[in-house]
């Protein structure tokens, strides 16, 4: 991962979630979940195995202010559904849930689901485990496809994505 290129793309490029939802081939990810209003896909630069991003399909920038109570609750149900699949497949010590991004970059609301593997020393947990400065994993396309398939299989059938986007 080239952090400078990533930062420039996050700050000046198209919205990565909207590009993914619209099928832009430069923003392909392995799909994990999809319904009429939400998507979930594997992080392209995971810092822990199986890191998944969950987002509304609509371009929303404020996680609390731009979502009414029903939309917020719906999004959080999706986060929970995907997180339960992540836990079923990866058996983490802890599952971290974070909404990151800002008006300066990656503005589209998205939640990170990050499964902390068992046995990670305490000093390497929490934010340390999530920061790309501490390294990213480089799963092969085959490994990512396999993991995404196992995550999809761990979800209720009505929550599996349209494979044409992955």
Protein backbone atom coordinates (compact mmCIF):
# COMPACT_ATOMS: atom_id res chain seq x y z
CA UNK A 1 0.00 0.00 0.00
CA UNK A 2 1.33 3.40 -1.00
CA UNK A 3 -0.01 5.66 1.76
CA UNK A 4 0.64 8.92 -0.14
CA UNK A 5 -1.29 7.68 -3.18
CA UNK A 6 -4.07 6.37 -0.94
CA UNK A 7 -4.33 9.71 0.88
CA UNK A 8 -4.41 11.68 -2.37
CA UNK A 9 -7.08 9.38 -3.79
CA UNK A 10 -9.18 9.58 -0.58
CA UNK A 11 -9.02 13.37 -0.57
CA UNK A 12 -9.35 14.24 -4.27
CA UNK A 13 -10.67 11.17 -6.07
CA UNK A 14 -14.24 10.06 -6.45
CA UNK A 15 -16.12 8.81 -3.41
CA UNK A 16 -14.86 5.24 -3.06
CA UNK A 17 -18.20 3.86 -1.82
CA UNK A 18 -20.22 5.54 -4.58
CA UNK A 19 -17.65 4.37 -7.16
CA UNK A 20 -17.97 0.81 -5.84
CA UNK A 21 -21.79 0.94 -5.80
CA UNK A 22 -21.78 2.30 -9.37
CA UNK A 23 -19.53 -0.54 -10.58
CA UNK A 24 -16.36 1.46 -11.29
CA UNK A 25 -13.74 -1.25 -11.99
CA UNK A 26 -11.02 0.81 -10.29
CA UNK A 27 -12.96 0.51 -7.03
CA UNK A 28 -13.76 -3.22 -7.03
CA UNK A 29 -13.87 -5.04 -3.73
CA UNK A 30 -14.96 -8.50 -2.66
CA UNK A 31 -18.67 -8.22 -1.81
CA UNK A 32 -19.82 -9.66 1.48
CA UNK A 33 -23.36 -8.29 1.92
CA UNK A 34 -25.94 -6.29 0.01
CA UNK A 35 -29.53 -5.22 0.42
CA UNK A 36 -31.54 -2.45 -1.21
CA UNK A 37 -29.90 0.30 0.88
CA UNK A 38 -26.52 -1.05 2.10
CA UNK A 39 -23.33 -2.76 0.96
CA UNK A 40 -20.49 -4.50 2.76
CA UNK A 41 -17.18 -5.52 1.24
CA UNK A 42 -13.69 -6.55 2.24
CA UNK A 43 -11.30 -3.70 2.93
CA UNK A 44 -8.74 -3.46 0.14
CA UNK A 45 -5.96 -2.72 2.66
CA UNK A 46 -6.84 -4.69 5.79
CA UNK A 47 -4.77 -4.34 8.92
CA UNK A 48 -6.37 -7.44 10.44
CA UNK A 49 -7.74 -10.51 8.63
CA UNK A 50 -11.28 -10.15 7.35
CA UNK A 51 -11.67 -6.40 7.82
CA UNK A 52 -15.01 -5.42 6.29
CA UNK A 53 -16.49 -2.03 5.42
CA UNK A 54 -20.27 -1.46 5.66
CA UNK A 55 -21.92 1.59 4.09
CA UNK A 56 -25.26 2.92 2.98
CA UNK A 57 -25.55 2.95 -0.81
CA UNK A 58 -26.75 6.56 -0.73
CA UNK A 59 -24.01 9.14 -0.32
CA UNK A 60 -24.38 10.07 3.34
CA UNK A 61 -21.64 12.06 5.08
CA UNK A 62 -22.79 12.45 8.69
CA UNK A 63 -23.43 9.20 10.53
CA UNK A 64 -25.85 10.75 13.01
CA UNK A 65 -27.14 13.98 11.45
CA UNK A 66 -27.85 12.70 7.94
CA UNK A 67 -29.69 9.55 8.98
CA UNK A 68 -33.09 9.57 10.63
CA UNK A 69 -33.64 7.10 13.45
CA UNK A 70 -35.02 4.39 11.17
CA UNK A 71 -32.16 4.68 8.65
CA UNK A 72 -29.55 4.73 11.42
CA UNK A 73 -31.11 1.67 13.06
CA UNK A 74 -31.25 -0.12 9.71
CA UNK A 75 -27.57 0.60 9.06
CA UNK A 76 -26.63 -0.63 12.52
CA UNK A 77 -28.60 -3.86 11.98
CA UNK A 78 -26.50 -4.45 8.86
CA UNK A 79 -23.30 -3.73 10.79
CA UNK A 80 -24.41 -6.28 13.40
CA UNK A 81 -25.37 -8.90 10.78
CA UNK A 82 -22.01 -8.60 9.05
CA UNK A 83 -20.11 -8.50 12.36
CA UNK A 84 -21.81 -11.71 13.47
CA UNK A 85 -20.70 -13.39 10.23
CA UNK A 86 -17.15 -12.09 10.76
CA UNK A 87 -17.18 -13.52 14.28
CA UNK A 88 -18.57 -16.86 13.10
CA UNK A 89 -15.88 -17.24 10.45
CA UNK A 90 -12.84 -15.73 12.18
CA UNK A 91 -13.50 -16.36 15.91
CA UNK A 92 -11.79 -13.13 17.02
CA UNK A 93 -10.83 -12.18 20.55
CA UNK A 94 -12.75 -8.90 20.05
CA UNK A 95 -14.60 -7.27 17.18
CA UNK A 96 -13.95 -3.57 16.71
CA UNK A 97 -16.66 -1.38 15.14
CA UNK A 98 -15.69 2.11 14.02
CA UNK A 99 -17.09 4.77 11.74
CA UNK A 100 -14.14 6.62 10.24
CA UNK A 101 -13.60 9.23 7.54
CA UNK A 102 -14.19 12.98 7.56
CA UNK A 103 -15.08 15.89 5.30
CA UNK A 104 -11.40 15.92 4.30
CA UNK A 105 -11.38 12.38 2.91
CA UNK A 106 -13.46 9.23 2.67
CA UNK A 107 -16.50 11.35 3.53
CA UNK A 108 -19.12 8.69 2.68
CA UNK A 109 -20.28 7.16 5.96
CA UNK A 110 -18.86 3.69 6.41
CA UNK A 111 -18.29 1.37 9.35
CA UNK A 112 -15.17 -0.71 9.79
CA UNK A 113 -15.64 -4.19 11.20
CA UNK A 114 -12.25 -5.37 12.37
CA UNK A 115 -11.78 -8.78 13.99
CA UNK A 116 -8.86 -8.81 16.41
CA UNK A 117 -7.21 -12.23 16.11
CA UNK A 118 -6.71 -14.16 19.35
CA UNK A 119 -3.27 -13.81 20.91
CA UNK A 120 -2.35 -10.33 19.67
CA UNK A 121 -0.22 -8.71 22.40
CA UNK A 122 -2.08 -5.95 24.23
CA UNK A 123 0.35 -3.28 22.98
CA UNK A 124 -0.60 -4.17 19.40
CA UNK A 125 -4.37 -4.11 19.93
CA UNK A 126 -7.00 -1.38 19.63
CA UNK A 127 -6.03 1.59 17.43
CA UNK A 128 -2.55 0.15 16.87
CA UNK A 129 -4.08 -2.89 15.16
CA UNK A 130 -6.15 -0.65 12.86
CA UNK A 131 -3.53 1.86 11.73
CA UNK A 132 -2.09 1.34 8.26
CA UNK A 133 1.13 2.93 9.51
CA UNK A 134 1.71 -0.34 11.38
CA UNK A 135 1.35 -2.38 8.19
CA UNK A 136 -1.35 -3.85 6.02
CA UNK A 137 -2.01 -7.42 5.03
CA UNK A 138 -1.70 -8.47 1.41
CA UNK A 139 -4.17 -11.30 0.82
CA UNK A 140 -4.12 -12.72 -2.69
CA UNK A 141 -7.24 -12.29 -4.82
CA UNK A 142 -7.96 -15.98 -4.25
CA UNK A 143 -7.65 -15.63 -0.48
CA UNK A 144 -9.96 -12.61 -0.51
CA UNK A 145 -12.51 -14.39 -2.69
CA UNK A 146 -12.42 -17.44 -0.41
CA UNK A 147 -12.87 -15.34 2.74
CA UNK A 148 -15.69 -13.30 1.19
CA UNK A 149 -17.40 -16.54 0.21
CA UNK A 150 -17.14 -17.91 3.73
CA UNK A 151 -18.51 -14.64 5.16
CA UNK A 152 -21.43 -14.65 2.72
CA UNK A 153 -22.18 -18.27 3.61
CA UNK A 154 -22.29 -17.31 7.29
CA UNK A 155 -25.06 -14.76 6.64
CA UNK A 156 -28.77 -15.27 6.21
CA UNK A 157 -29.57 -16.09 2.55
CA UNK A 158 -31.53 -12.86 2.04
CA UNK A 159 -28.43 -10.81 2.90
CA UNK A 160 -26.02 -12.21 0.31
CA UNK A 161 -24.74 -9.72 -2.29
CA UNK A 162 -25.17 -9.41 -6.00
CA UNK A 163 -21.91 -11.05 -7.18
CA UNK A 164 -21.74 -8.89 -10.32
CA UNK A 165 -20.08 -6.10 -8.31
CA UNK A 166 -17.25 -8.08 -6.69
